[in-house]
C-alpha cells in the first residue's frame, strides 16, 4: 500500500495536475492500494480526476462529534457522503500541534469505523522517547488506548501507520532494521491481543521521510506493508517510484 498525505500543501489546481500525472504513470495492473489524502477542499475534485484508475481518496482528519456548532470542522458523515474511503487519525502533528489525546483518537477511530470508512491509525515516538529506550512501551500504550478496545472484526479493518516522530519531515529515516524491529513489535502485540488470524494479516505501514531512494529497501522488510508518505508524495515521479516499490 502507498498512501499520500499531502498535509496543507498544493492548491486545488496544483493538486489536480499532480493526480493526473500519478494516474498516467500507475503500473498496470495495479497490484496494491494507492491512496491520496489531500486537504478537505480538494477531495471531490481529486475523486473526479482519479475516476476508476484505482486511486482511492482519504481525508487527513475528521471531527469527533457528529454535528453541531463547531465552526471550521468536518464531520465523518460529510466525508462518507463525499465518497472518501479512508481517514488518517492520530497523526503526530494532530497530537502535538492540536493536543489530540489517545482518548480523542479512540473516539475518532470509533466514529470512522461506525461510518464504514477505514482508519489509518498513526503511532510513533519522539526522539527523546526513542533514545531513552522506552519507544516500544510508548507505542504499545498508543495501541492499547486507541485500538485494542475494538472487537477483532472491527480491528481487522484498521490500517496502522508507524511514524517515528523524529523521522517526519526531518530527512532522517529509520533504518530498514529499525523499521522492521518496530513493525515486528507492533504485529506481535496484535497477535498477543487478537491472535494470528488477525495479527498476521494486519497492514502496518511505515511513515517518516520515505523517498524513492529508500522505499524499496524499507518495503522489503518482512513486516512493513507499505508507506504513508508525506513530502515525497507531492512530486509525481517520486511518488510513482514509491508506488512501484510498494506494488513490487
Protein backbone atom coordinates (compact mmCIF):
# COMPACT_ATOMS: atom_id res chain seq x y z
CA UNK A 1 0.00 0.00 0.00
CA UNK A 2 1.19 3.52 -0.82
CA UNK A 3 -0.72 6.33 0.89
CA UNK A 4 -0.02 10.01 0.24
CA UNK A 5 -0.59 12.59 2.96
CA UNK A 6 -0.42 15.97 1.25
CA UNK A 7 -0.87 17.82 4.56
CA UNK A 8 -1.52 21.56 3.97
CA UNK A 9 0.16 21.70 0.58
CA UNK A 10 -0.85 22.36 -3.04
CA UNK A 11 -3.71 24.44 -4.32
CA UNK A 12 -6.61 22.59 -5.93
CA UNK A 13 -5.19 23.37 -9.38
CA UNK A 14 -1.73 22.10 -8.42
CA UNK A 15 -3.23 19.01 -6.81
CA UNK A 16 -5.23 18.07 -9.88
CA UNK A 17 -2.15 18.39 -12.09
CA UNK A 18 -0.36 16.02 -9.72
CA UNK A 19 -3.20 13.49 -9.65
CA UNK A 20 -3.30 13.43 -13.46
CA UNK A 21 0.44 12.77 -13.51
CA UNK A 22 0.15 9.95 -10.97
CA UNK A 23 -2.85 8.46 -12.75
CA UNK A 24 -0.99 8.42 -16.07
CA UNK A 25 2.04 6.73 -14.54
CA UNK A 26 0.37 3.99 -12.49
CA UNK A 27 1.63 0.46 -13.08
CA UNK A 28 -0.73 -1.83 -14.95
CA UNK A 29 -2.07 -3.97 -13.50
CA UNK A 30 -2.15 -2.09 -10.19
CA UNK A 31 -1.43 -4.77 -7.59
CA UNK A 32 -1.62 -2.69 -4.41
CA UNK A 33 -3.77 0.01 -2.86
CA UNK A 34 -2.90 3.61 -3.69
CA UNK A 35 -4.48 6.29 -1.50
CA UNK A 36 -4.27 10.07 -1.73
CA UNK A 37 -5.27 12.17 1.29
CA UNK A 38 -5.48 15.80 0.12
CA UNK A 39 -6.84 18.80 2.04
CA UNK A 40 -10.62 18.81 2.53
CA UNK A 41 -11.06 21.42 -0.21
CA UNK A 42 -9.53 19.05 -2.77
CA UNK A 43 -11.45 15.85 -2.00
CA UNK A 44 -14.21 15.96 -4.62
CA UNK A 45 -12.06 17.32 -7.47
CA UNK A 46 -9.39 14.70 -6.77
CA UNK A 47 -12.02 11.94 -6.77
CA UNK A 48 -13.36 13.19 -10.09
CA UNK A 49 -9.91 13.09 -11.70
CA UNK A 50 -8.99 9.76 -10.12
CA UNK A 51 -12.12 8.15 -11.56
CA UNK A 52 -11.77 4.39 -11.86
CA UNK A 53 -7.97 4.46 -12.08
CA UNK A 54 -7.56 2.57 -8.81
CA UNK A 55 -6.52 5.66 -6.87
CA UNK A 56 -8.56 5.82 -3.66
CA UNK A 57 -9.13 9.02 -1.72
CA UNK A 58 -8.96 9.66 2.01
CA UNK A 59 -9.20 12.57 4.42
CA UNK A 60 -6.44 13.81 6.70
CA UNK A 61 -8.71 14.24 9.72
CA UNK A 62 -12.30 14.38 10.95
CA UNK A 63 -14.05 15.97 13.90
CA UNK A 64 -15.04 13.88 16.91
CA UNK A 65 -18.69 14.99 17.04
CA UNK A 66 -21.37 14.00 14.53
CA UNK A 67 -22.72 17.55 14.04
CA UNK A 68 -23.23 20.84 15.81
CA UNK A 69 -21.89 24.35 16.29
CA UNK A 70 -18.25 23.56 15.54
CA UNK A 71 -17.14 26.25 13.12
CA UNK A 72 -14.47 25.09 10.71
CA UNK A 73 -14.78 21.36 11.42
CA UNK A 74 -15.76 18.49 9.12
CA UNK A 75 -17.80 15.51 10.29
CA UNK A 76 -17.34 11.89 9.38
CA UNK A 77 -20.79 11.76 7.74
CA UNK A 78 -19.79 14.62 5.44
CA UNK A 79 -16.67 12.71 4.41
CA UNK A 80 -18.59 9.48 3.89
CA UNK A 81 -21.17 11.18 1.69
CA UNK A 82 -18.42 12.77 -0.39
CA UNK A 83 -17.05 9.32 -1.13
CA UNK A 84 -13.89 9.34 0.98
CA UNK A 85 -12.82 5.82 1.86
CA UNK A 86 -10.01 6.38 4.38
CA UNK A 87 -9.37 8.81 7.23
CA UNK A 88 -5.96 9.43 8.80
CA UNK A 89 -6.29 9.55 12.58
CA UNK A 90 -3.80 10.16 15.39
CA UNK A 91 -1.09 11.71 13.23
CA UNK A 92 1.73 13.09 15.35
CA UNK A 93 1.06 16.61 14.05
CA UNK A 94 -2.52 16.37 15.28
CA UNK A 95 -1.31 15.02 18.62
CA UNK A 96 1.50 17.56 19.09
CA UNK A 97 0.19 20.75 17.50
CA UNK A 98 -3.52 20.36 18.26
CA UNK A 99 -3.27 18.47 21.52
CA UNK A 100 -5.20 15.37 20.47
CA UNK A 101 -5.08 12.75 23.21
CA UNK A 102 -5.24 8.97 23.00
CA UNK A 103 -8.84 9.19 24.26
CA UNK A 104 -9.81 11.60 21.49
CA UNK A 105 -8.09 9.46 18.86
CA UNK A 106 -10.01 6.45 20.18
CA UNK A 107 -13.30 8.34 19.77
CA UNK A 108 -12.41 9.24 16.19
CA UNK A 109 -11.47 5.64 15.38
CA UNK A 110 -14.88 4.50 16.62
CA UNK A 111 -16.69 7.11 14.53
CA UNK A 112 -14.72 6.33 11.38
CA UNK A 113 -15.49 2.63 11.65
CA UNK A 114 -19.13 3.28 12.51
CA UNK A 115 -19.43 5.28 9.28
CA UNK A 116 -17.99 2.39 7.28
CA UNK A 117 -14.70 4.13 6.50
CA UNK A 118 -11.18 2.84 7.12
CA UNK A 119 -8.95 4.47 9.75
CA UNK A 120 -5.24 4.86 9.05
CA UNK A 121 -4.13 4.93 12.67
CA UNK A 122 -0.80 6.67 13.28
CA UNK A 123 1.51 5.86 16.15
CA UNK A 124 5.12 6.62 16.91
CA UNK A 125 7.58 8.04 19.39
CA UNK A 126 9.65 11.20 19.77
CA UNK A 127 13.45 11.23 19.63
CA UNK A 128 13.58 11.66 23.42
CA UNK A 129 11.48 8.55 23.97
CA UNK A 130 13.49 6.60 21.38
CA UNK A 131 16.84 7.46 22.96
CA UNK A 132 15.50 6.61 26.42
CA UNK A 133 14.73 3.09 25.23
CA UNK A 134 11.03 3.43 26.07
CA UNK A 135 9.79 3.52 22.47
CA UNK A 136 8.17 0.07 22.40
CA UNK A 137 6.25 0.71 25.61
CA UNK A 138 5.12 4.10 24.33
CA UNK A 139 3.80 2.71 21.04
CA UNK A 140 2.16 -0.21 22.82
CA UNK A 141 0.33 2.31 25.03
CA UNK A 142 -0.93 4.14 21.92
CA UNK A 143 -2.24 0.84 20.54
CA UNK A 144 -3.88 -0.12 23.83
CA UNK A 145 -5.56 3.25 24.29
CA UNK A 146 -6.52 3.88 20.69
CA UNK A 147 -7.28 0.50 19.12
CA UNK A 148 -7.25 -2.55 21.35
CA UNK A 149 -10.73 -1.88 22.70
CA UNK A 150 -12.11 -2.90 19.30
CA UNK A 151 -13.53 -6.36 18.65
CA UNK A 152 -11.42 -8.38 16.22
CA UNK A 153 -13.89 -7.91 13.36
CA UNK A 154 -13.53 -4.13 13.50
CA UNK A 155 -9.84 -4.08 14.32
CA UNK A 156 -9.12 -6.10 11.19
CA UNK A 157 -10.37 -3.15 9.11
CA UNK A 158 -7.82 -0.72 10.60
CA UNK A 159 -4.54 0.15 8.90
CA UNK A 160 -1.70 1.07 11.25
CA UNK A 161 1.00 3.56 10.25
CA UNK A 162 4.13 3.57 12.40
CA UNK A 163 5.68 7.03 12.12
CA UNK A 164 8.66 7.78 14.34
CA UNK A 165 8.23 11.48 15.08
CA UNK A 166 11.99 12.01 14.85
CA UNK A 167 11.85 10.96 11.18
CA UNK A 168 8.85 13.01 9.99
CA UNK A 169 9.89 15.87 7.74
CA UNK A 170 13.44 15.81 9.12
CA UNK A 171 15.16 13.99 6.28
CA UNK A 172 16.20 11.38 8.83
CA UNK A 173 14.76 7.97 8.08
CA UNK A 174 14.62 4.97 10.36
CA UNK A 175 16.96 2.32 9.03
CA UNK A 176 15.26 -0.69 7.47
CA UNK A 177 16.29 -2.64 10.55
CA UNK A 178 14.77 -0.07 12.93
CA UNK A 179 11.55 -0.01 10.92
CA UNK A 180 11.35 -3.80 10.86
CA UNK A 181 12.04 -4.06 14.59
CA UNK A 182 9.14 -1.77 15.49
CA UNK A 183 6.78 -3.23 12.88
CA UNK A 184 7.52 -6.72 14.20
CA UNK A 185 6.84 -5.49 17.73
CA UNK A 186 3.51 -3.97 16.67
CA UNK A 187 2.49 -7.13 14.83
CA UNK A 188 3.38 -9.28 17.82
CA UNK A 189 1.34 -7.01 20.11
CA UNK A 190 -1.62 -7.51 17.78
CA UNK A 191 -1.09 -11.28 17.75
CA UNK A 192 -0.97 -11.38 21.54
CA UNK A 193 -4.23 -9.44 21.76
CA UNK A 194 -6.20 -10.83 18.83
CA UNK A 195 -4.38 -13.96 17.68
CA UNK A 196 -2.58 -14.88 14.47
CA UNK A 197 -5.73 -14.79 12.34
CA UNK A 198 -5.82 -11.01 12.83
CA UNK A 199 -2.20 -10.14 13.52
CA UNK A 200 -0.66 -11.96 10.59
CA UNK A 201 -2.89 -10.11 8.14
CA UNK A 202 -2.91 -6.64 9.71
CA UNK A 203 -1.44 -3.99 7.45
CA UNK A 204 1.29 -1.91 9.07
CA UNK A 205 2.73 0.99 7.07
CA UNK A 206 5.93 2.92 7.69
CA UNK A 207 6.00 6.71 7.55
CA UNK A 208 8.89 9.06 8.06
CA UNK A 209 10.98 10.64 5.27
CA UNK A 210 10.19 7.90 2.76
CA UNK A 211 11.74 8.71 -0.60
CA UNK A 212 12.06 6.99 -3.95
CA UNK A 213 15.64 6.09 -2.98
CA UNK A 214 14.81 4.21 0.22
CA UNK A 215 11.26 2.94 -0.37
CA UNK A 216 12.16 -0.42 -1.88
CA UNK A 217 14.55 -1.29 0.93
CA UNK A 218 12.02 -0.28 3.61
CA UNK A 219 9.14 -2.12 1.96
CA UNK A 220 11.23 -5.28 1.54
CA UNK A 221 11.24 -5.77 5.31
CA UNK A 222 9.11 -8.69 6.44
CA UNK A 223 6.57 -6.72 8.50
CA UNK A 224 6.47 -3.46 6.52
CA UNK A 225 3.39 -3.46 4.30
CA UNK A 226 3.89 -0.15 2.52
CA UNK A 227 4.15 3.50 3.41
CA UNK A 228 2.34 6.64 4.50
CA UNK A 229 4.22 9.26 2.52
CA UNK A 230 4.44 12.98 3.22
CA UNK A 231 6.75 15.30 1.29
CA UNK A 232 7.74 12.77 -1.35
CA UNK A 233 4.09 12.37 -2.37
CA UNK A 234 3.98 15.97 -3.64
CA UNK A 235 6.07 15.15 -6.71
CA UNK A 236 4.75 12.80 -9.37
CA UNK A 237 7.95 10.91 -10.31
CA UNK A 238 8.95 10.36 -6.69
CA UNK A 239 5.55 9.10 -5.58
CA UNK A 240 5.24 6.86 -8.64
CA UNK A 241 8.58 5.29 -7.74
CA UNK A 242 7.28 4.69 -4.20
CA UNK A 243 4.11 3.13 -5.62
CA UNK A 244 6.24 0.87 -7.79
CA UNK A 245 8.23 -0.18 -4.73
CA UNK A 246 5.03 -0.89 -2.76
CA UNK A 247 3.47 -2.87 -5.58
CA UNK A 248 6.62 -4.81 -6.42
